[in-house]
Amino acid sequence: MVGIKALAWEDIAVENADGVTIYYNYINDGTELEVTYYNHGYYPNPERYKGNVVIPEEVVFMNRTRKVTRIGEGAFSSCDELTSVTMPQSITTL
């Protein structure tokens, strides 16, 4: 198939220390994470990021710790109720 791009939905969803669910994709052969968005359809999404979002430096999922190093393209797109994003120093790509 040429010219068809699949939508990249999240690989995992993990609550941060504030109880806010952050959505991630695995990157760099699964050794690191990028923040992404939750999108499972074409309708308005009630799970968009809202308020103050704090991105952790590391995430533990299934007993494995991975660094969060990237904010994915469009991660905060259409998040009209988002007021701030706090990012750790581990973020190397926006």
Protein backbone atom coordinates (compact mmCIF):
# COMPACT_ATOMS: atom_id res chain seq x y z
CA MET A 1 0.00 0.00 0.00
CA VAL A 2 1.44 3.31 -1.04
CA GLY A 3 0.37 6.67 0.38
CA ILE A 4 -1.76 5.35 3.23
CA LYS A 5 -0.86 6.44 6.72
CA ALA A 6 -2.45 4.81 9.74
CA LEU A 7 -3.59 6.92 12.67
CA ALA A 8 -1.20 6.54 15.60
CA TRP A 9 -3.28 6.05 18.71
CA GLU A 10 -1.78 5.58 22.11
CA ASP A 11 0.10 2.44 23.05
CA ILE A 12 -0.48 2.86 26.78
CA ALA A 13 -2.37 5.12 29.19
CA VAL A 14 -0.98 5.77 32.68
CA GLU A 15 -2.15 8.09 35.46
CA ASN A 16 0.40 10.65 36.63
CA ALA A 17 0.91 11.54 40.31
CA ASP A 18 -2.06 13.97 40.14
CA GLY A 19 -4.42 11.26 38.86
CA VAL A 20 -4.50 12.66 35.30
CA THR A 21 -4.29 10.01 32.59
CA ILE A 22 -1.45 10.66 30.14
CA TYR A 23 -1.34 8.80 26.82
CA TYR A 24 1.96 7.51 25.43
CA ASN A 25 3.48 5.81 22.41
CA TYR A 26 6.59 3.65 22.60
CA ILE A 27 9.59 5.10 20.75
CA ASN A 28 13.24 4.12 20.23
CA ASP A 29 12.50 0.39 20.05
CA GLY A 30 10.22 0.59 23.08
CA THR A 31 12.89 1.96 25.41
CA GLU A 32 11.35 5.46 25.74
CA LEU A 33 7.94 7.12 25.58
CA GLU A 34 6.38 10.08 23.81
CA VAL A 35 3.27 11.86 25.01
CA THR A 36 0.45 11.50 22.52
CA TYR A 37 -3.31 11.99 22.39
CA TYR A 38 -6.36 9.83 22.96
CA ASN A 39 -8.37 9.51 19.77
CA HIS A 40 -10.56 6.55 19.02
CA GLY A 41 -12.84 8.01 16.41
CA TYR A 42 -13.96 11.08 14.57
CA TYR A 43 -16.23 12.53 17.25
CA PRO A 44 -15.34 15.01 20.02
CA ASN A 45 -13.22 13.31 22.62
CA PRO A 46 -14.14 13.72 26.30
CA GLU A 47 -10.70 12.39 27.29
CA ARG A 48 -8.73 15.40 26.01
CA TYR A 49 -6.18 16.95 28.31
CA LYS A 50 -7.71 19.59 30.61
CA GLY A 51 -6.49 22.00 33.27
CA ASN A 52 -2.89 21.70 34.46
CA VAL A 53 -1.10 18.63 33.11
CA VAL A 54 2.18 17.46 34.62
CA ILE A 55 4.24 15.11 32.46
CA PRO A 56 6.40 12.77 34.55
CA GLU A 57 10.07 12.14 33.78
CA GLU A 58 9.57 8.39 33.95
CA VAL A 59 6.61 6.03 33.70
CA VAL A 60 6.30 2.59 35.25
CA PHE A 61 4.04 0.30 33.24
CA MET A 62 3.88 -3.47 33.65
CA ASN A 63 6.86 -3.37 36.04
CA ARG A 64 9.09 -1.61 33.52
CA THR A 65 10.33 1.97 33.82
CA ARG A 66 10.74 4.12 30.71
CA LYS A 67 11.81 7.75 30.33
CA VAL A 68 9.45 10.23 28.72
CA THR A 69 11.60 12.00 26.12
CA ARG A 70 9.25 13.43 23.50
CA ILE A 71 6.00 15.34 23.09
CA GLY A 72 4.37 13.87 19.99
CA GLU A 73 2.97 15.88 17.12
CA GLY A 74 -0.53 17.10 17.94
CA ALA A 75 -0.41 15.71 21.48
CA PHE A 76 -2.33 18.71 22.82
CA SER A 77 -4.29 19.54 19.67
CA SER A 78 -7.87 20.73 20.29
CA CYS A 79 -7.39 20.70 24.06
CA ASP A 80 -9.39 23.88 24.60
CA GLU A 81 -9.59 23.40 28.37
CA LEU A 82 -5.85 22.87 28.82
CA THR A 83 -4.32 25.70 30.89
CA SER A 84 -0.72 24.56 31.39
CA VAL A 85 1.73 21.73 30.74
CA THR A 86 4.68 21.08 33.01
CA MET A 87 7.40 19.05 31.30
CA PRO A 88 10.40 17.31 32.85
CA GLN A 89 14.00 17.91 31.76
CA SER A 90 13.98 14.49 30.13
CA ILE A 91 11.96 15.91 27.19
CA THR A 92 14.37 16.34 24.29
CA THR A 93 11.92 16.74 21.39
CA LEU A 94 8.77 18.83 21.09
